[in-house]
Amino acid sequence: MSRYRPPRAKGSCYITPEGERRLREEVRQLWKVERPKVTASVHEAAKNGDRSENGDYIYGKRRLREIDSRVRFLTKRLEELTVVNDIPANQNKVFFGAWVTLEDDDCSEYEYRIVGPDEFDLSQNKLSMDSPLARAMLGKLLEDEVKVTTPKGETLYYVTAIRYGSSAAD
């Protein structure tokens, strides 16, 4: 068995303004704050002589490679992304960036925001637009049915509210 894994399918190239700010802040934090600290610690560890058995030096160099790799990835990704900050003319239809409230047959309500794959976070109810549920919701109108096939079977939801804004409180 080989270690080969096929490349992941690229996610959609859309992001909200908040998501873009978060990614740019991560690049700034890594490049301007964390990398200088790690570089200084590697420099100090290198002064101690034998580098082959110097844990601070070895782990510091490894962390520098991780930081550089992440900064390179984020920089390339930010160049590819399209920031979507326009509110659509038809606010009764689900588009990218919408907060959508769904209700199931048990009258349980769920609220999700449809965001890009670089910023999804289910703990904050942010759902990637590439997920099956978000793909089923896109283009739906208020009071439409949303059918999603899950491992447990088909689940039916109803769109009860659609709104646009940056947070759940908007």
C-alpha atoms as a PDB file:
ATOM      1  CA  MET A   1       0.000   0.000   0.000  1.00  0.00           C
ATOM      2  CA  SER A   2       1.372   3.373  -0.944  1.00  0.00           C
ATOM      3  CA  ARG A   3       1.092   6.691   0.844  1.00  0.00           C
ATOM      4  CA  TYR A   4      -0.332   8.393  -2.246  1.00  0.00           C
ATOM      5  CA  ARG A   5      -3.520  10.308  -1.715  1.00  0.00           C
ATOM      6  CA  PRO A   6      -5.258  12.014  -4.597  1.00  0.00           C
ATOM      7  CA  PRO A   7      -5.361  15.796  -4.284  1.00  0.00           C
ATOM      8  CA  ARG A   8      -8.369  17.253  -2.510  1.00  0.00           C
ATOM      9  CA  ALA A   9     -10.950  18.894  -4.678  1.00  0.00           C
ATOM     10  CA  LYS A  10     -10.578  22.650  -4.476  1.00  0.00           C
ATOM     11  CA  GLY A  11     -13.247  24.416  -2.518  1.00  0.00           C
ATOM     12  CA  SER A  12     -15.297  27.231  -3.915  1.00  0.00           C
ATOM     13  CA  CYS A  13     -13.453  30.527  -4.310  1.00  0.00           C
ATOM     14  CA  TYR A  14     -15.869  32.723  -2.369  1.00  0.00           C
ATOM     15  CA  ILE A  15     -15.405  34.274   1.037  1.00  0.00           C
ATOM     16  CA  THR A  16     -17.195  36.810   3.205  1.00  0.00           C
ATOM     17  CA  PRO A  17     -15.427  40.057   4.201  1.00  0.00           C
ATOM     18  CA  GLU A  18     -15.168  38.764   7.795  1.00  0.00           C
ATOM     19  CA  GLY A  19     -13.533  35.549   6.583  1.00  0.00           C
ATOM     20  CA  GLU A  20     -11.026  37.467   4.483  1.00  0.00           C
ATOM     21  CA  ARG A  21     -10.129  39.687   7.467  1.00  0.00           C
ATOM     22  CA  ARG A  22      -9.603  36.593   9.623  1.00  0.00           C
ATOM     23  CA  LEU A  23      -7.282  34.968   7.056  1.00  0.00           C
ATOM     24  CA  ARG A  24      -5.292  38.192   6.583  1.00  0.00           C
ATOM     25  CA  GLU A  25      -4.969  38.547  10.370  1.00  0.00           C
ATOM     26  CA  GLU A  26      -3.696  34.949  10.587  1.00  0.00           C
ATOM     27  CA  VAL A  27      -1.030  35.708   7.956  1.00  0.00           C
ATOM     28  CA  ARG A  28      -0.017  38.864   9.840  1.00  0.00           C
ATOM     29  CA  GLN A  29       0.103  37.013  13.179  1.00  0.00           C
ATOM     30  CA  LEU A  30       2.242  34.206  11.769  1.00  0.00           C
ATOM     31  CA  TRP A  31       4.595  36.433   9.774  1.00  0.00           C
ATOM     32  CA  LYS A  32       5.002  39.462  12.064  1.00  0.00           C
ATOM     33  CA  VAL A  33       4.596  37.965  15.553  1.00  0.00           C
ATOM     34  CA  GLU A  34       5.193  34.224  15.720  1.00  0.00           C
ATOM     35  CA  ARG A  35       7.915  33.802  13.089  1.00  0.00           C
ATOM     36  CA  PRO A  36      10.294  36.417  14.615  1.00  0.00           C
ATOM     37  CA  LYS A  37       9.955  34.742  18.049  1.00  0.00           C
ATOM     38  CA  VAL A  38      10.709  31.280  16.642  1.00  0.00           C
ATOM     39  CA  THR A  39      13.601  32.666  14.573  1.00  0.00           C
ATOM     40  CA  ALA A  40      15.119  34.226  17.683  1.00  0.00           C
ATOM     41  CA  SER A  41      14.808  30.967  19.646  1.00  0.00           C
ATOM     42  CA  VAL A  42      16.407  28.993  16.775  1.00  0.00           C
ATOM     43  CA  HIS A  43      19.233  31.550  16.658  1.00  0.00           C
ATOM     44  CA  GLU A  44      19.836  31.144  20.404  1.00  0.00           C
ATOM     45  CA  ALA A  45      19.683  27.340  20.140  1.00  0.00           C
ATOM     46  CA  ALA A  46      22.182  27.384  17.265  1.00  0.00           C
ATOM     47  CA  LYS A  47      24.702  29.148  19.508  1.00  0.00           C
ATOM     48  CA  ASN A  48      24.759  26.119  21.829  1.00  0.00           C
ATOM     49  CA  GLY A  49      26.923  24.069  19.507  1.00  0.00           C
ATOM     50  CA  ASP A  50      25.984  20.586  18.267  1.00  0.00           C
ATOM     51  CA  ARG A  51      22.745  21.036  16.353  1.00  0.00           C
ATOM     52  CA  SER A  52      22.120  17.344  15.679  1.00  0.00           C
ATOM     53  CA  GLU A  53      21.094  16.694  19.298  1.00  0.00           C
ATOM     54  CA  ASN A  54      19.711  20.113  20.122  1.00  0.00           C
ATOM     55  CA  GLY A  55      15.954  19.739  20.603  1.00  0.00           C
ATOM     56  CA  ASP A  56      15.250  23.476  20.667  1.00  0.00           C
ATOM     57  CA  TYR A  57      17.021  23.908  17.358  1.00  0.00           C
ATOM     58  CA  ILE A  58      15.381  20.886  15.675  1.00  0.00           C
ATOM     59  CA  TYR A  59      11.844  21.722  16.828  1.00  0.00           C
ATOM     60  CA  GLY A  60      12.341  25.427  16.111  1.00  0.00           C
ATOM     61  CA  LYS A  61      13.377  24.692  12.536  1.00  0.00           C
ATOM     62  CA  ARG A  62      10.375  22.384  12.151  1.00  0.00           C
ATOM     63  CA  ARG A  63       8.043  25.119  13.438  1.00  0.00           C
ATOM     64  CA  LEU A  64       9.593  27.627  11.009  1.00  0.00           C
ATOM     65  CA  ARG A  65       8.835  25.254   8.126  1.00  0.00           C
ATOM     66  CA  GLU A  66       5.234  24.900   9.343  1.00  0.00           C
ATOM     67  CA  ILE A  67       4.815  28.683   9.605  1.00  0.00           C
ATOM     68  CA  ASP A  68       6.333  29.283   6.163  1.00  0.00           C
ATOM     69  CA  SER A  69       4.153  26.582   4.624  1.00  0.00           C
ATOM     70  CA  ARG A  70       0.960  28.001   6.169  1.00  0.00           C
ATOM     71  CA  VAL A  71       1.835  31.575   5.134  1.00  0.00           C
ATOM     72  CA  ARG A  72       2.556  30.406   1.573  1.00  0.00           C
ATOM     73  CA  PHE A  73      -0.779  28.519   1.443  1.00  0.00           C
ATOM     74  CA  LEU A  74      -2.796  31.437   2.839  1.00  0.00           C
ATOM     75  CA  THR A  75      -1.132  33.970   0.536  1.00  0.00           C
ATOM     76  CA  LYS A  76      -1.915  31.885  -2.557  1.00  0.00           C
ATOM     77  CA  ARG A  77      -5.444  31.172  -1.360  1.00  0.00           C
ATOM     78  CA  LEU A  78      -6.188  34.857  -0.671  1.00  0.00           C
ATOM     79  CA  GLU A  79      -5.149  35.678  -4.252  1.00  0.00           C
ATOM     80  CA  GLU A  80      -7.685  33.136  -5.592  1.00  0.00           C
ATOM     81  CA  LEU A  81     -10.622  34.166  -3.404  1.00  0.00           C
ATOM     82  CA  THR A  82     -13.459  36.470  -4.392  1.00  0.00           C
ATOM     83  CA  VAL A  83     -14.865  38.546  -1.552  1.00  0.00           C
ATOM     84  CA  VAL A  84     -18.663  38.646  -1.669  1.00  0.00           C
ATOM     85  CA  ASN A  85     -19.966  41.656   0.213  1.00  0.00           C
ATOM     86  CA  ASP A  86     -23.002  42.592  -1.862  1.00  0.00           C
ATOM     87  CA  ILE A  87     -26.464  41.929  -0.511  1.00  0.00           C
ATOM     88  CA  PRO A  88     -28.627  40.422  -3.262  1.00  0.00           C
ATOM     89  CA  ALA A  89     -31.585  42.323  -4.664  1.00  0.00           C
ATOM     90  CA  ASN A  90     -33.964  39.428  -3.897  1.00  0.00           C
ATOM     91  CA  GLN A  91     -33.536  38.881  -0.166  1.00  0.00           C
ATOM     92  CA  ASN A  92     -36.242  36.204  -0.091  1.00  0.00           C
ATOM     93  CA  LYS A  93     -33.936  33.773  -1.879  1.00  0.00           C
ATOM     94  CA  VAL A  94     -30.973  31.900  -0.378  1.00  0.00           C
ATOM     95  CA  PHE A  95     -27.615  33.059  -1.735  1.00  0.00           C
ATOM     96  CA  PHE A  96     -24.041  32.992  -0.461  1.00  0.00           C
ATOM     97  CA  GLY A  97     -23.707  34.788   2.896  1.00  0.00           C
ATOM     98  CA  ALA A  98     -27.331  34.317   3.945  1.00  0.00           C
ATOM     99  CA  TRP A  99     -28.434  33.360   7.428  1.00  0.00           C
ATOM    100  CA  VAL A 100     -31.051  30.650   6.860  1.00  0.00           C
ATOM    101  CA  THR A 101     -33.428  29.330   9.503  1.00  0.00           C
ATOM    102  CA  LEU A 102     -34.632  25.791   8.861  1.00  0.00           C
ATOM    103  CA  GLU A 103     -37.370  23.840  10.600  1.00  0.00           C
ATOM    104  CA  ASP A 104     -37.715  20.068  10.526  1.00  0.00           C
ATOM    105  CA  ASP A 105     -40.807  17.874  10.979  1.00  0.00           C
ATOM    106  CA  ASP A 106     -40.290  17.858  14.777  1.00  0.00           C
ATOM    107  CA  CYS A 107     -40.562  21.692  14.836  1.00  0.00           C
ATOM    108  CA  SER A 108     -36.867  21.996  15.768  1.00  0.00           C
ATOM    109  CA  GLU A 109     -35.223  25.115  14.357  1.00  0.00           C
ATOM    110  CA  TYR A 110     -31.668  25.378  13.043  1.00  0.00           C
ATOM    111  CA  GLU A 111     -29.938  28.507  11.832  1.00  0.00           C
ATOM    112  CA  TYR A 112     -26.911  28.440   9.524  1.00  0.00           C
ATOM    113  CA  ARG A 113     -24.917  30.966   7.576  1.00  0.00           C
ATOM    114  CA  ILE A 114     -23.699  29.869   4.160  1.00  0.00           C
ATOM    115  CA  VAL A 115     -20.006  30.782   3.887  1.00  0.00           C
ATOM    116  CA  GLY A 116     -16.951  29.744   1.889  1.00  0.00           C
ATOM    117  CA  PRO A 117     -15.018  26.548   2.625  1.00  0.00           C
ATOM    118  CA  ASP A 118     -12.151  28.531   4.185  1.00  0.00           C
ATOM    119  CA  GLU A 119     -14.297  29.932   6.969  1.00  0.00           C
ATOM    120  CA  PHE A 120     -16.871  27.290   7.882  1.00  0.00           C
ATOM    121  CA  ASP A 121     -17.247  26.576  11.592  1.00  0.00           C
ATOM    122  CA  LEU A 122     -20.200  24.549  12.821  1.00  0.00           C
ATOM    123  CA  SER A 123     -19.716  25.775  16.393  1.00  0.00           C
ATOM    124  CA  GLN A 124     -20.652  29.245  15.063  1.00  0.00           C
ATOM    125  CA  ASN A 125     -23.339  27.821  12.723  1.00  0.00           C
ATOM    126  CA  LYS A 126     -21.281  28.681   9.640  1.00  0.00           C
ATOM    127  CA  LEU A 127     -21.865  26.084   6.953  1.00  0.00           C
ATOM    128  CA  SER A 128     -19.598  25.632   3.919  1.00  0.00           C
ATOM    129  CA  MET A 129     -21.343  26.320   0.626  1.00  0.00           C
ATOM    130  CA  ASP A 130     -19.826  23.034  -0.636  1.00  0.00           C
ATOM    131  CA  SER A 131     -21.623  20.955   2.021  1.00  0.00           C
ATOM    132  CA  PRO A 132     -24.669  18.906   0.979  1.00  0.00           C
ATOM    133  CA  LEU A 133     -27.048  20.904   3.189  1.00  0.00           C
ATOM    134  CA  ALA A 134     -25.841  24.284   1.895  1.00  0.00           C
ATOM    135  CA  ARG A 135     -25.992  23.100  -1.730  1.00  0.00           C
ATOM    136  CA  ALA A 136     -29.575  21.979  -1.110  1.00  0.00           C
ATOM    137  CA  MET A 137     -30.457  25.376   0.406  1.00  0.00           C
ATOM    138  CA  LEU A 138     -28.909  27.614  -2.278  1.00  0.00           C
ATOM    139  CA  GLY A 139     -31.549  29.093  -4.550  1.00  0.00           C
ATOM    140  CA  LYS A 140     -34.483  28.194  -2.298  1.00  0.00           C
ATOM    141  CA  LEU A 141     -37.167  30.712  -1.430  1.00  0.00           C
ATOM    142  CA  LEU A 142     -38.922  31.361   1.862  1.00  0.00           C
ATOM    143  CA  GLU A 143     -41.215  28.419   2.827  1.00  0.00           C
ATOM    144  CA  ASP A 144     -39.509  26.054   0.313  1.00  0.00           C
ATOM    145  CA  GLU A 145     -38.675  22.462   1.178  1.00  0.00           C
ATOM    146  CA  VAL A 146     -35.037  21.411   1.461  1.00  0.00           C
ATOM    147  CA  LYS A 147     -34.323  17.693   1.025  1.00  0.00           C
ATOM    148  CA  VAL A 148     -30.961  16.400   2.210  1.00  0.00           C
ATOM    149  CA  THR A 149     -29.767  12.825   1.930  1.00  0.00           C
ATOM    150  CA  THR A 150     -27.833  11.775   5.030  1.00  0.00           C
ATOM    151  CA  PRO A 151     -26.438   8.402   6.137  1.00  0.00           C
ATOM    152  CA  LYS A 152     -29.610   7.987   8.223  1.00  0.00           C
ATOM    153  CA  GLY A 153     -31.805   8.599   5.180  1.00  0.00           C
ATOM    154  CA  GLU A 154     -33.512  11.568   3.615  1.00  0.00           C
ATOM    155  CA  THR A 155     -34.213  14.559   5.870  1.00  0.00           C
ATOM    156  CA  LEU A 156     -36.730  17.261   5.051  1.00  0.00           C
ATOM    157  CA  TYR A 157     -36.448  20.863   6.232  1.00  0.00           C
ATOM    158  CA  TYR A 158     -38.501  23.987   5.559  1.00  0.00           C
ATOM    159  CA  VAL A 159     -36.974  27.433   5.063  1.00  0.00           C
ATOM    160  CA  THR A 160     -38.629  29.666   7.665  1.00  0.00           C
ATOM    161  CA  ALA A 161     -36.383  32.749   7.538  1.00  0.00           C
ATOM    162  CA  ILE A 162     -33.687  34.258   5.322  1.00  0.00           C
ATOM    163  CA  ARG A 163     -31.676  37.312   6.202  1.00  0.00           C
ATOM    164  CA  TYR A 164     -28.405  38.903   5.240  1.00  0.00           C
ATOM    165  CA  GLY A 165     -25.863  40.432   7.587  1.00  0.00           C
ATOM    166  CA  SER A 166     -22.543  39.633   9.204  1.00  0.00           C
ATOM    167  CA  SER A 167     -23.767  38.110  12.463  1.00  0.00           C
ATOM    168  CA  ALA A 168     -26.675  36.189  13.902  1.00  0.00           C
ATOM    169  CA  ALA A 169     -27.725  39.301  15.827  1.00  0.00           C
ATOM    170  CA  ASP A 170     -28.036  41.491  12.668  1.00  0.00           C
END
